[in-house]
Amino acid sequence: YESQALEPVILNDVVTDLEALLERTLGEH
């Protein structure tokens, strides 16, 4: 029941790492 400690993050890394997962989640349409 508490927040995690913050850390340096590059948003481009987050988007790139999730891209394949998002494509499968969104579907072909």
Full PDB file with SEQRES, HELIX, SHEET, SSBOND, CRYST1, ORIGX, SCALE, CONECT and MASTER records, all heavy atoms in Angstrom:
SEQRES   1 A   29  TYR GLU SER GLN ALA LEU GLU PRO VAL ILE LEU ASN ASP          
SEQRES   2 A   29  VAL VAL THR ASP LEU GLU ALA LEU LEU GLU ARG THR LEU          
SEQRES   3 A   29  GLY GLU HIS                                                  
HELIX    1 AA1 LEU A   11  LEU A   26  1                                  16    
CRYST1    1.000    1.000    1.000  90.00  90.00  90.00 P 1           1          
ORIGX1      1.000000  0.000000  0.000000        0.00000                         
ORIGX2      0.000000  1.000000  0.000000        0.00000                         
ORIGX3      0.000000  0.000000  1.000000        0.00000                         
SCALE1      1.000000  0.000000  0.000000        0.00000                         
SCALE2      0.000000  1.000000  0.000000        0.00000                         
SCALE3      0.000000  0.000000  1.000000        0.00000                         
ATOM      1  N   TYR A   1       0.823  -1.210   0.000  1.00  0.00           N  
ATOM      2  CA  TYR A   1       0.000   0.000   0.000  1.00  0.00           C  
ATOM      3  C   TYR A   1       0.860   1.265   0.000  1.00  0.00           C  
ATOM      4  O   TYR A   1       0.585   2.219   0.713  1.00  0.00           O  
ATOM      5  CB  TYR A   1      -0.945   0.016   1.201  1.00  0.00           C  
ATOM      6  CG  TYR A   1      -1.790  -1.209   1.301  1.00  0.00           C  
ATOM      7  CD1 TYR A   1      -1.456  -2.211   2.208  1.00  0.00           C  
ATOM      8  CD2 TYR A   1      -2.897  -1.388   0.503  1.00  0.00           C  
ATOM      9  CE1 TYR A   1      -2.224  -3.353   2.313  1.00  0.00           C  
ATOM     10  CE2 TYR A   1      -3.668  -2.533   0.602  1.00  0.00           C  
ATOM     11  CZ  TYR A   1      -3.327  -3.504   1.500  1.00  0.00           C  
ATOM     12  OH  TYR A   1      -4.098  -4.634   1.590  1.00  0.00           O  
ATOM     13  N   GLU A   2       1.915   1.287  -0.816  1.00  0.00           N  
ATOM     14  CA  GLU A   2       2.740   2.490  -0.888  1.00  0.00           C  
ATOM     15  C   GLU A   2       3.315   2.605  -2.286  1.00  0.00           C  
ATOM     16  O   GLU A   2       3.353   1.648  -3.048  1.00  0.00           O  
ATOM     17  CB  GLU A   2       3.875   2.458   0.128  1.00  0.00           C  
ATOM     18  CG  GLU A   2       4.858   1.347  -0.085  1.00  0.00           C  
ATOM     19  CD  GLU A   2       5.918   1.309   0.991  1.00  0.00           C  
ATOM     20  OE1 GLU A   2       5.576   1.584   2.155  1.00  0.00           O  
ATOM     21  OE2 GLU A   2       7.062   1.003   0.668  1.00  0.00           O  
ATOM     22  N   SER A   3       3.748   3.803  -2.650  1.00  0.00           N  
ATOM     23  CA  SER A   3       4.279   4.032  -3.978  1.00  0.00           C  
ATOM     24  C   SER A   3       5.730   3.556  -4.064  1.00  0.00           C  
ATOM     25  O   SER A   3       6.439   3.519  -3.073  1.00  0.00           O  
ATOM     26  CB  SER A   3       4.205   5.519  -4.327  1.00  0.00           C  
ATOM     27  OG  SER A   3       2.881   5.966  -4.331  1.00  0.00           O  
ATOM     28  N   GLN A   4       6.140   3.245  -5.290  1.00  0.00           N  
ATOM     29  CA  GLN A   4       7.509   2.852  -5.513  1.00  0.00           C  
ATOM     30  C   GLN A   4       8.402   4.089  -5.595  1.00  0.00           C  
ATOM     31  O   GLN A   4       7.955   5.192  -5.888  1.00  0.00           O  
ATOM     32  CB  GLN A   4       7.615   2.068  -6.818  1.00  0.00           C  
ATOM     33  CG  GLN A   4       7.036   0.658  -6.722  1.00  0.00           C  
ATOM     34  CD  GLN A   4       7.861  -0.232  -5.847  1.00  0.00           C  
ATOM     35  OE1 GLN A   4       7.649  -0.292  -4.655  1.00  0.00           O  
ATOM     36  NE2 GLN A   4       8.801  -0.942  -6.417  1.00  0.00           N  
ATOM     37  N   ALA A   5       9.692   3.896  -5.374  1.00  0.00           N  
ATOM     38  CA  ALA A   5      10.648   4.987  -5.520  1.00  0.00           C  
ATOM     39  C   ALA A   5      10.773   5.357  -6.995  1.00  0.00           C  
ATOM     40  O   ALA A   5      10.734   4.510  -7.881  1.00  0.00           O  
ATOM     41  CB  ALA A   5      12.004   4.553  -4.959  1.00  0.00           C  
ATOM     42  N   LEU A   6      10.952   6.654  -7.253  1.00  0.00           N  
ATOM     43  CA  LEU A   6      11.097   7.119  -8.619  1.00  0.00           C  
ATOM     44  C   LEU A   6      12.504   6.827  -9.121  1.00  0.00           C  
ATOM     45  O   LEU A   6      13.457   6.745  -8.344  1.00  0.00           O  
ATOM     46  CB  LEU A   6      10.809   8.618  -8.689  1.00  0.00           C  
ATOM     47  CG  LEU A   6       9.435   9.062  -8.170  1.00  0.00           C  
ATOM     48  CD1 LEU A   6       9.289  10.575  -8.297  1.00  0.00           C  
ATOM     49  CD2 LEU A   6       8.313   8.349  -8.901  1.00  0.00           C  
ATOM     50  N   GLU A   7      12.643   6.692 -10.451  1.00  0.00           N  
ATOM     51  CA  GLU A   7      13.937   6.426 -11.068  1.00  0.00           C  
ATOM     52  C   GLU A   7      13.988   7.149 -12.407  1.00  0.00           C  
ATOM     53  O   GLU A   7      12.945   7.466 -12.985  1.00  0.00           O  
ATOM     54  CB  GLU A   7      14.138   4.921 -11.275  1.00  0.00           C  
ATOM     55  CG  GLU A   7      13.114   4.305 -12.206  1.00  0.00           C  
ATOM     56  CD  GLU A   7      13.351   2.828 -12.448  1.00  0.00           C  
ATOM     57  OE1 GLU A   7      14.460   2.361 -12.152  1.00  0.00           O  
ATOM     58  OE2 GLU A   7      12.432   2.155 -12.944  1.00  0.00           O  
ATOM     59  N   PRO A   8      15.190   7.430 -12.930  1.00  0.00           N  
ATOM     60  CA  PRO A   8      15.284   8.059 -14.247  1.00  0.00           C  
ATOM     61  C   PRO A   8      14.730   7.127 -15.328  1.00  0.00           C  
ATOM     62  O   PRO A   8      15.078   5.947 -15.385  1.00  0.00           O  
ATOM     63  CB  PRO A   8      16.788   8.293 -14.426  1.00  0.00           C  
ATOM     64  CG  PRO A   8      17.356   8.243 -13.047  1.00  0.00           C  
ATOM     65  CD  PRO A   8      16.508   7.273 -12.288  1.00  0.00           C  
ATOM     66  N   VAL A   9      13.862   7.667 -16.180  1.00  0.00           N  
ATOM     67  CA  VAL A   9      13.220   6.879 -17.236  1.00  0.00           C  
ATOM     68  C   VAL A   9      13.244   7.691 -18.533  1.00  0.00           C  
ATOM     69  O   VAL A   9      13.009   8.902 -18.519  1.00  0.00           O  
ATOM     70  CB  VAL A   9      11.753   6.548 -16.874  1.00  0.00           C  
ATOM     71  CG1 VAL A   9      11.037   5.876 -18.050  1.00  0.00           C  
ATOM     72  CG2 VAL A   9      11.691   5.642 -15.648  1.00  0.00           C  
ATOM     73  N   ILE A  10      13.561   7.025 -19.644  1.00  0.00           N  
ATOM     74  CA  ILE A  10      13.430   7.617 -20.968  1.00  0.00           C  
ATOM     75  C   ILE A  10      12.135   7.096 -21.578  1.00  0.00           C  
ATOM     76  O   ILE A  10      11.972   5.886 -21.757  1.00  0.00           O  
ATOM     77  CB  ILE A  10      14.625   7.240 -21.876  1.00  0.00           C  
ATOM     78  CG1 ILE A  10      15.924   7.837 -21.332  1.00  0.00           C  
ATOM     79  CG2 ILE A  10      14.385   7.723 -23.297  1.00  0.00           C  
ATOM     80  CD1 ILE A  10      16.029   9.331 -21.459  1.00  0.00           C  
ATOM     81  N   LEU A  11      11.202   7.997 -21.890  1.00  0.00           N  
ATOM     82  CA  LEU A  11       9.895   7.565 -22.388  1.00  0.00           C  
ATOM     83  C   LEU A  11      10.003   6.777 -23.689  1.00  0.00           C  
ATOM     84  O   LEU A  11       9.191   5.883 -23.949  1.00  0.00           O  
ATOM     85  CB  LEU A  11       8.977   8.770 -22.574  1.00  0.00           C  
ATOM     86  CG  LEU A  11       8.364   9.357 -21.307  1.00  0.00           C  
ATOM     87  CD1 LEU A  11       7.498  10.566 -21.637  1.00  0.00           C  
ATOM     88  CD2 LEU A  11       7.529   8.318 -20.578  1.00  0.00           C  
ATOM     89  N   ASN A  12      10.985   7.099 -24.528  1.00  0.00           N  
ATOM     90  CA  ASN A  12      11.144   6.351 -25.777  1.00  0.00           C  
ATOM     91  C   ASN A  12      11.383   4.871 -25.507  1.00  0.00           C  
ATOM     92  O   ASN A  12      10.908   4.002 -26.248  1.00  0.00           O  
ATOM     93  CB  ASN A  12      12.313   6.912 -26.588  1.00  0.00           C  
ATOM     94  CG  ASN A  12      11.944   8.210 -27.283  1.00  0.00           C  
ATOM     95  OD1 ASN A  12      10.810   8.665 -27.205  1.00  0.00           O  
ATOM     96  ND2 ASN A  12      12.911   8.811 -27.964  1.00  0.00           N  
ATOM     97  N   ASP A  13      12.145   4.560 -24.443  1.00  0.00           N  
ATOM     98  CA  ASP A  13      12.382   3.158 -24.086  1.00  0.00           C  
ATOM     99  C   ASP A  13      11.080   2.456 -23.740  1.00  0.00           C  
ATOM    100  O   ASP A  13      10.844   1.305 -24.119  1.00  0.00           O  
ATOM    101  CB  ASP A  13      13.333   3.069 -22.888  1.00  0.00           C  
ATOM    102  CG  ASP A  13      14.772   3.363 -23.266  1.00  0.00           C  
ATOM    103  OD1 ASP A  13      15.049   3.474 -24.472  1.00  0.00           O  
ATOM    104  OD2 ASP A  13      15.607   3.480 -22.359  1.00  0.00           O  
ATOM    105  N   VAL A  14      10.237   3.147 -22.979  1.00  0.00           N  
ATOM    106  CA  VAL A  14       8.964   2.560 -22.557  1.00  0.00           C  
ATOM    107  C   VAL A  14       8.112   2.250 -23.772  1.00  0.00           C  
ATOM    108  O   VAL A  14       7.546   1.153 -23.906  1.00  0.00           O  
ATOM    109  CB  VAL A  14       8.221   3.515 -21.598  1.00  0.00           C  
ATOM    110  CG1 VAL A  14       6.869   2.913 -21.203  1.00  0.00           C  
ATOM    111  CG2 VAL A  14       9.059   3.785 -20.357  1.00  0.00           C  
ATOM    112  N   VAL A  15       8.002   3.217 -24.697  1.00  0.00           N  
ATOM    113  CA  VAL A  15       7.175   3.020 -25.897  1.00  0.00           C  
ATOM    114  C   VAL A  15       7.735   1.893 -26.746  1.00  0.00           C  
ATOM    115  O   VAL A  15       6.995   1.003 -27.204  1.00  0.00           O  
ATOM    116  CB  VAL A  15       7.094   4.323 -26.708  1.00  0.00           C  
ATOM    117  CG1 VAL A  15       6.309   4.096 -28.005  1.00  0.00           C  
ATOM    118  CG2 VAL A  15       6.425   5.426 -25.889  1.00  0.00           C  
ATOM    119  N   THR A  16       9.033   1.889 -26.963  1.00  0.00           N  
ATOM    120  CA  THR A  16       9.656   0.862 -27.805  1.00  0.00           C  
ATOM    121  C   THR A  16       9.477  -0.534 -27.218  1.00  0.00           C  
ATOM    122  O   THR A  16       9.143  -1.490 -27.931  1.00  0.00           O  
ATOM    123  CB  THR A  16      11.154   1.167 -27.988  1.00  0.00           C  
ATOM    124  OG1 THR A  16      11.299   2.450 -28.587  1.00  0.00           O  
ATOM    125  CG2 THR A  16      11.807   0.129 -28.875  1.00  0.00           C  
ATOM    126  N   ASP A  17       9.703  -0.667 -25.910  1.00  0.00           N  
ATOM    127  CA  ASP A  17       9.585  -1.982 -25.272  1.00  0.00           C  
ATOM    128  C   ASP A  17       8.150  -2.494 -25.285  1.00  0.00           C  
ATOM    129  O   ASP A  17       7.910  -3.702 -25.278  1.00  0.00           O  
ATOM    130  CB  ASP A  17      10.090  -1.920 -23.832  1.00  0.00           C  
ATOM    131  CG  ASP A  17      11.605  -1.790 -23.764  1.00  0.00           C  
ATOM    132  OD1 ASP A  17      12.255  -1.948 -24.813  1.00  0.00           O  
ATOM    133  OD2 ASP A  17      12.134  -1.530 -22.670  1.00  0.00           O  
ATOM    134  N   LEU A  18       7.177  -1.582 -25.289  1.00  0.00           N  
ATOM    135  CA  LEU A  18       5.772  -1.998 -25.240  1.00  0.00           C  
ATOM    136  C   LEU A  18       5.143  -2.130 -26.623  1.00  0.00           C  
ATOM    137  O   LEU A  18       4.007  -2.594 -26.738  1.00  0.00           O  
ATOM    138  CB  LEU A  18       4.948  -0.997 -24.427  1.00  0.00           C  
ATOM    139  CG  LEU A  18       5.050  -1.068 -22.902  1.00  0.00           C  
ATOM    140  CD1 LEU A  18       4.191   0.020 -22.275  1.00  0.00           C  
ATOM    141  CD2 LEU A  18       4.611  -2.428 -22.385  1.00  0.00           C  
ATOM    142  N   GLU A  19       5.850  -1.714 -27.668  1.00  0.00           N  
ATOM    143  CA  GLU A  19       5.238  -1.621 -28.995  1.00  0.00           C  
ATOM    144  C   GLU A  19       4.644  -2.946 -29.471  1.00  0.00           C  
ATOM    145  O   GLU A  19       3.505  -2.998 -29.950  1.00  0.00           O  
ATOM    146  CB  GLU A  19       6.260  -1.104 -30.001  1.00  0.00           C  
ATOM    147  CG  GLU A  19       5.636  -0.658 -31.302  1.00  0.00           C  
ATOM    148  CD  GLU A  19       6.605   0.162 -32.150  1.00  0.00           C  
ATOM    149  OE1 GLU A  19       7.712   0.469 -31.660  1.00  0.00           O  
ATOM    150  OE2 GLU A  19       6.244   0.481 -33.296  1.00  0.00           O  
ATOM    151  N   ALA A  20       5.415  -4.022 -29.336  1.00  0.00           N  
ATOM    152  CA  ALA A  20       4.911  -5.327 -29.803  1.00  0.00           C  
ATOM    153  C   ALA A  20       3.678  -5.749 -29.000  1.00  0.00           C  
ATOM    154  O   ALA A  20       2.700  -6.258 -29.560  1.00  0.00           O  
ATOM    155  CB  ALA A  20       6.005  -6.382 -29.682  1.00  0.00           C  
ATOM    156  N   LEU A  21       3.706  -5.516 -27.686  1.00  0.00           N  
ATOM    157  CA  LEU A  21       2.565  -5.866 -26.853  1.00  0.00           C  
ATOM    158  C   LEU A  21       1.345  -5.045 -27.237  1.00  0.00           C  
ATOM    159  O   LEU A  21       0.230  -5.570 -27.335  1.00  0.00           O  
ATOM    160  CB  LEU A  21       2.914  -5.630 -25.383  1.00  0.00           C  
ATOM    161  CG  LEU A  21       1.771  -5.755 -24.376  1.00  0.00           C  
ATOM    162  CD1 LEU A  21       1.256  -7.182 -24.333  1.00  0.00           C  
ATOM    163  CD2 LEU A  21       2.220  -5.305 -22.993  1.00  0.00           C  
ATOM    164  N   LEU A  22       1.538  -3.756 -27.494  1.00  0.00           N  
ATOM    165  CA  LEU A  22       0.416  -2.890 -27.850  1.00  0.00           C  
ATOM    166  C   LEU A  22      -0.200  -3.304 -29.184  1.00  0.00           C  
ATOM    167  O   LEU A  22      -1.425  -3.292 -29.341  1.00  0.00           O  
ATOM    168  CB  LEU A  22       0.872  -1.429 -27.911  1.00  0.00           C  
ATOM    169  CG  LEU A  22       1.260  -0.790 -26.575  1.00  0.00           C  
ATOM    170  CD1 LEU A  22       1.763   0.622 -26.802  1.00  0.00           C  
ATOM    171  CD2 LEU A  22       0.082  -0.792 -25.609  1.00  0.00           C  
ATOM    172  N   GLU A  23       0.640  -3.681 -30.137  1.00  0.00           N  
ATOM    173  CA  GLU A  23       0.114  -4.097 -31.447  1.00  0.00           C  
ATOM    174  C   GLU A  23      -0.775  -5.324 -31.308  1.00  0.00           C  
ATOM    175  O   GLU A  23      -1.839  -5.413 -31.939  1.00  0.00           O  
ATOM    176  CB  GLU A  23       1.273  -4.368 -32.405  1.00  0.00           C  
ATOM    177  CG  GLU A  23       1.956  -3.101 -32.902  1.00  0.00           C  
ATOM    178  CD  GLU A  23       3.135  -3.398 -33.809  1.00  0.00           C  
ATOM    179  OE1 GLU A  23       3.645  -4.554 -33.768  1.00  0.00           O  
ATOM    180  OE2 GLU A  23       3.560  -2.504 -34.554  1.00  0.00           O  
ATOM    181  N   ARG A  24      -0.347  -6.273 -30.476  1.00  0.00           N  
ATOM    182  CA  ARG A  24      -1.176  -7.467 -30.270  1.00  0.00           C  
ATOM    183  C   ARG A  24      -2.466  -7.113 -29.529  1.00  0.00           C  
ATOM    184  O   ARG A  24      -3.527  -7.663 -29.813  1.00  0.00           O  
ATOM    185  CB  ARG A  24      -0.392  -8.516 -29.475  1.00  0.00           C  
ATOM    186  CG  ARG A  24       0.764  -9.130 -30.234  1.00  0.00           C  
ATOM    187  CD  ARG A  24       1.295 -10.365 -29.518  1.00  0.00           C  
ATOM    188  NE  ARG A  24       1.828 -10.052 -28.203  1.00  0.00           N  
ATOM    189  CZ  ARG A  24       3.089  -9.709 -27.976  1.00  0.00           C  
ATOM    190  NH1 ARG A  24       3.949  -9.640 -28.984  1.00  0.00           N  
ATOM    191  NH2 ARG A  24       3.511  -9.457 -26.750  1.00  0.00           N  
ATOM    192  N   THR A  25      -2.371  -6.185 -28.584  1.00  0.00           N  
ATOM    193  CA  THR A  25      -3.543  -5.804 -27.790  1.00  0.00           C  
ATOM    194  C   THR A  25      -4.554  -5.041 -28.617  1.00  0.00           C  
ATOM    195  O   THR A  25      -5.764  -5.235 -28.486  1.00  0.00           O  
ATOM    196  CB  THR A  25      -3.103  -4.947 -26.582  1.00  0.00           C  
ATOM    197  OG1 THR A  25      -2.157  -5.683 -25.811  1.00  0.00           O  
ATOM    198  CG2 THR A  25      -4.295  -4.589 -25.710  1.00  0.00           C  
ATOM    199  N   LEU A  26      -4.087  -4.162 -29.490  1.00  0.00           N  
ATOM    200  CA  LEU A  26      -4.987  -3.331 -30.289  1.00  0.00           C  
ATOM    201  C   LEU A  26      -5.738  -4.143 -31.334  1.00  0.00           C  
ATOM    202  O   LEU A  26      -6.858  -3.806 -31.696  1.00  0.00           O  
ATOM    203  CB  LEU A  26      -4.191  -2.214 -30.967  1.00  0.00           C  
ATOM    204  CG  LEU A  26      -3.585  -1.163 -30.025  1.00  0.00           C  
ATOM    205  CD1 LEU A  26      -2.650  -0.247 -30.800  1.00  0.00           C  
ATOM    206  CD2 LEU A  26      -4.679  -0.358 -29.344  1.00  0.00           C  
ATOM    207  N   GLY A  27      -5.126  -5.191 -31.846  1.00  0.00           N  
ATOM    208  CA  GLY A  27      -5.774  -6.007 -32.867  1.00  0.00           C  
ATOM    209  C   GLY A  27      -5.475  -5.508 -34.266  1.00  0.00           C  
ATOM    210  O   GLY A  27      -4.919  -4.417 -34.475  1.00  0.00           O  
ATOM    211  N   GLU A  28      -5.863  -6.299 -35.250  1.00  0.00           N  
ATOM    212  CA  GLU A  28      -5.531  -5.996 -36.637  1.00  0.00           C  
ATOM    213  C   GLU A  28      -6.296  -4.789 -37.176  1.00  0.00           C  
ATOM    214  O   GLU A  28      -5.867  -4.166 -38.152  1.00  0.00           O  
ATOM    215  CB  GLU A  28      -5.816  -7.220 -37.518  1.00  0.00           C  
ATOM    216  CG  GLU A  28      -4.935  -8.431 -37.184  1.00  0.00           C  
ATOM    217  CD  GLU A  28      -5.246  -9.613 -38.075  1.00  0.00           C  
ATOM    218  OE1 GLU A  28      -6.196  -9.507 -38.884  1.00  0.00           O  
ATOM    219  OE2 GLU A  28      -4.543 -10.640 -37.966  1.00  0.00           O  
ATOM    220  N   HIS A  29      -7.408  -4.444 -36.572  1.00  0.00           N  
ATOM    221  CA  HIS A  29      -8.232  -3.360 -37.118  1.00  0.00           C  
ATOM    222  C   HIS A  29      -7.734  -1.974 -36.706  1.00  0.00           C  
ATOM    223  O   HIS A  29      -8.237  -0.958 -37.191  1.00  0.00           O  
ATOM    224  CB  HIS A  29      -9.688  -3.530 -36.697  1.00  0.00           C  
ATOM    225  CG  HIS A  29      -9.938  -3.325 -35.239  1.00  0.00           C  
ATOM    226  ND1 HIS A  29      -9.351  -4.114 -34.278  1.00  0.00           N  
ATOM    227  CD2 HIS A  29     -10.678  -2.397 -34.570  1.00  0.00           C  
ATOM    228  CE1 HIS A  29      -9.746  -3.702 -33.085  1.00  0.00           C  
ATOM    229  NE2 HIS A  29     -10.544  -2.660 -33.240  1.00  0.00           N  
TER     230      HIS A  29                                                      
MASTER        0    0    0    1    0    0    0    6  229    1    0    3          
END                                                                             
